[in-house]
C-alpha atoms as a PDB file:
ATOM      1  CA  MET A   1      -3.719   1.818  -8.798  1.00  0.00           C
ATOM      2  CA  VAL A   2      -6.326   2.534  -6.572  1.00  0.00           C
ATOM      3  CA  THR A   3      -9.208   5.696  -7.559  1.00  0.00           C
ATOM      4  CA  ALA A   4     -12.064   6.899  -6.166  1.00  0.00           C
ATOM      5  CA  THR A   5     -14.886   9.099  -7.202  1.00  0.00           C
ATOM      6  CA  PRO A   6     -13.424  12.627  -7.985  1.00  0.00           C
ATOM      7  CA  THR A   7     -16.062  14.435  -6.306  1.00  0.00           C
ATOM      8  CA  THR A   8     -16.524  12.080  -3.364  1.00  0.00           C
ATOM      9  CA  GLY A   9     -16.833  14.035  -0.126  1.00  0.00           C
ATOM     10  CA  LEU A  10     -18.150  17.004  -2.065  1.00  0.00           C
ATOM     11  CA  ASP A  11     -21.096  15.658  -4.042  1.00  0.00           C
ATOM     12  CA  PRO A  12     -24.342  16.475  -2.259  1.00  0.00           C
ATOM     13  CA  ILE A  13     -26.188  13.254  -3.883  1.00  0.00           C
ATOM     14  CA  GLU A  14     -23.318  10.872  -3.364  1.00  0.00           C
ATOM     15  CA  LEU A  15     -24.387   7.640  -1.276  1.00  0.00           C
ATOM     16  CA  TYR A  16     -21.014   7.156   0.479  1.00  0.00           C
ATOM     17  CA  ASP A  17     -17.677   9.276   0.878  1.00  0.00           C
ATOM     18  CA  VAL A  18     -15.399   6.773  -0.593  1.00  0.00           C
ATOM     19  CA  ALA A  19     -11.985   8.725  -0.076  1.00  0.00           C
ATOM     20  CA  PRO A  20     -11.250   6.991   3.459  1.00  0.00           C
ATOM     21  CA  LEU A  21     -11.591   3.668   1.905  1.00  0.00           C
ATOM     22  CA  ALA A  22      -9.430   4.484  -1.111  1.00  0.00           C
ATOM     23  CA  ARG A  23      -6.836   5.719   1.002  1.00  0.00           C
ATOM     24  CA  ALA A  24      -6.888   2.822   3.397  1.00  0.00           C
ATOM     25  CA  LEU A  25      -6.636   0.147   0.591  1.00  0.00           C
ATOM     26  CA  ASP A  26      -3.730   2.151  -1.183  1.00  0.00           C
ATOM     27  CA  PHE A  27      -1.845   2.134   2.242  1.00  0.00           C
ATOM     28  CA  TYR A  28      -2.371  -1.669   2.525  1.00  0.00           C
ATOM     29  CA  ILE A  29      -1.213  -2.368  -0.863  1.00  0.00           C
ATOM     30  CA  ALA A  30       1.783  -0.098  -0.490  1.00  0.00           C
ATOM     31  CA  ASN A  31       2.906  -1.704   2.655  1.00  0.00           C
ATOM     32  CA  SER A  32       1.818  -5.233   2.772  1.00  0.00           C
ATOM     33  CA  ARG A  33       4.272  -7.857   1.577  1.00  0.00           C
ATOM     34  CA  ASP A  34       1.190 -10.213   0.809  1.00  0.00           C
ATOM     35  CA  LEU A  35       0.303  -8.115  -2.169  1.00  0.00           C
ATOM     36  CA  TYR A  36       3.608  -7.555  -3.322  1.00  0.00           C
ATOM     37  CA  GLY A  37       3.194  -9.645  -6.326  1.00  0.00           C
ATOM     38  CA  LEU A  38       0.259  -7.671  -7.561  1.00  0.00           C
ATOM     39  CA  PRO A  39       0.534  -6.691 -11.337  1.00  0.00           C
ATOM     40  CA  ARG A  40       1.882  -3.277 -12.301  1.00  0.00           C
ATOM     41  CA  LYS A  41      -1.646  -2.286 -14.005  1.00  0.00           C
ATOM     42  CA  PHE A  42      -3.850  -3.903 -11.150  1.00  0.00           C
ATOM     43  CA  ASN A  43      -6.784  -1.235 -10.769  1.00  0.00           C
ATOM     44  CA  VAL A  44      -9.192  -0.968  -7.992  1.00  0.00           C
ATOM     45  CA  ALA A  45     -11.862   1.721  -7.963  1.00  0.00           C
ATOM     46  CA  PHE A  46     -14.496   3.192  -5.369  1.00  0.00           C
ATOM     47  CA  ASP A  47     -17.472   4.651  -6.866  1.00  0.00           C
ATOM     48  CA  SER A  48     -19.598   6.827  -4.271  1.00  0.00           C
ATOM     49  CA  GLY A  49     -22.903   6.275  -6.272  1.00  0.00           C
ATOM     50  CA  GLY A  50     -23.069  10.070  -7.161  1.00  0.00           C
ATOM     51  CA  ALA A  51     -23.282  12.332  -9.908  1.00  0.00           C
ATOM     52  CA  VAL A  52     -19.765  11.793 -11.246  1.00  0.00           C
ATOM     53  CA  SER A  53     -18.765   7.802 -11.964  1.00  0.00           C
ATOM     54  CA  VAL A  54     -15.682   6.529 -11.485  1.00  0.00           C
ATOM     55  CA  VAL A  55     -16.207   3.825 -14.327  1.00  0.00           C
ATOM     56  CA  SER A  56     -15.548   1.226 -11.778  1.00  0.00           C
ATOM     57  CA  ASP A  57     -16.606  -1.428 -14.345  1.00  0.00           C
ATOM     58  CA  THR A  58     -13.337  -0.871 -16.095  1.00  0.00           C
ATOM     59  CA  ASN A  59     -11.094  -1.739 -13.653  1.00  0.00           C
ATOM     60  CA  ASP A  60      -9.741  -4.879 -12.265  1.00  0.00           C
ATOM     61  CA  ILE A  61     -11.816  -4.638  -9.200  1.00  0.00           C
ATOM     62  CA  GLY A  62     -14.862  -2.293  -8.597  1.00  0.00           C
ATOM     63  CA  PHE A  63     -16.916  -1.113  -5.701  1.00  0.00           C
ATOM     64  CA  LEU A  64     -20.034   0.724  -6.349  1.00  0.00           C
ATOM     65  CA  ALA A  65     -22.070   2.247  -3.698  1.00  0.00           C
ATOM     66  CA  THR A  66     -25.638   1.290  -3.996  1.00  0.00           C
ATOM     67  CA  ARG A  67     -28.800   1.798  -2.065  1.00  0.00           C
ATOM     68  CA  ILE A  68     -30.614  -1.245  -0.702  1.00  0.00           C
ATOM     69  CA  GLY A  69     -34.340  -0.760   0.252  1.00  0.00           C
ATOM     70  CA  GLU A  70     -36.879  -2.249   2.477  1.00  0.00           C
ATOM     71  CA  GLU A  71     -37.855  -4.684  -0.258  1.00  0.00           C
ATOM     72  CA  ARG A  72     -34.791  -6.892   0.284  1.00  0.00           C
ATOM     73  CA  SER A  73     -33.718  -9.770   2.594  1.00  0.00           C
ATOM     74  CA  VAL A  74     -31.153  -7.447   3.865  1.00  0.00           C
ATOM     75  CA  PRO A  75     -31.308  -4.655   6.416  1.00  0.00           C
ATOM     76  CA  PRO A  76     -31.733  -1.304   4.332  1.00  0.00           C
ATOM     77  CA  GLY A  77     -28.920   0.817   4.094  1.00  0.00           C
ATOM     78  CA  ILE A  78     -25.679   1.866   1.807  1.00  0.00           C
ATOM     79  CA  TYR A  79     -23.727  -1.432   0.426  1.00  0.00           C
ATOM     80  CA  PHE A  80     -21.181  -2.229  -2.063  1.00  0.00           C
ATOM     81  CA  ARG A  81     -21.555  -3.845  -5.233  1.00  0.00           C
ATOM     82  CA  VAL A  82     -18.322  -5.583  -5.975  1.00  0.00           C
ATOM     83  CA  LEU A  83     -17.289  -5.744  -9.684  1.00  0.00           C
ATOM     84  CA  LEU A  84     -14.817  -8.296 -10.840  1.00  0.00           C
ATOM     85  CA  CYS A  85     -14.071  -7.014 -14.410  1.00  0.00           C
ATOM     86  CA  GLY A  86     -10.528  -7.947 -15.599  1.00  0.00           C
ATOM     87  CA  ILE A  87      -8.708  -9.276 -12.639  1.00  0.00           C
ATOM     88  CA  THR A  88      -5.236 -10.265 -13.577  1.00  0.00           C
ATOM     89  CA  GLY A  89      -2.362 -11.757 -12.005  1.00  0.00           C
ATOM     90  CA  PRO A  90      -1.597 -14.851  -9.989  1.00  0.00           C
ATOM     91  CA  PRO A  91      -4.339 -17.379  -9.166  1.00  0.00           C
ATOM     92  CA  THR A  92      -4.127 -16.552  -5.777  1.00  0.00           C
ATOM     93  CA  VAL A  93      -4.979 -12.965  -6.302  1.00  0.00           C
ATOM     94  CA  ARG A  94      -7.769 -13.849  -8.639  1.00  0.00           C
ATOM     95  CA  CYS A  95      -9.591 -16.099  -6.501  1.00  0.00           C
ATOM     96  CA  GLY A  96      -8.550 -15.207  -2.922  1.00  0.00           C
ATOM     97  CA  TYR A  97      -6.863 -17.806  -0.809  1.00  0.00           C
ATOM     98  CA  ARG A  98      -6.879 -20.822  -2.896  1.00  0.00           C
ATOM     99  CA  ALA A  99      -5.585 -21.411  -6.509  1.00  0.00           C
ATOM    100  CA  CYS A 100      -8.545 -21.514  -9.437  1.00  0.00           C
ATOM    101  CA  SER A 101      -7.327 -24.703 -10.779  1.00  0.00           C
END
């Protein structure tokens, strides 16, 4: 399941409208054979960084919009912090392209 902040696109203080990202990932998962083996309760959340949180840290993978300022080694802007909180499934899903062991 792919979820997004319920007020994304409407929240005046959100950092990024995550609805297009959530829709694109949902479409990709539903139509890609390489992700056919995902567990039934595999959850991904996109948090827009606004007033209402999607509680991305309770999902298998969370993307949290974060503002990076001038004091960092990367250009300032909006980035996504990736939270790997409870990934389940086969080792190739948990670790990317290769098995963990």
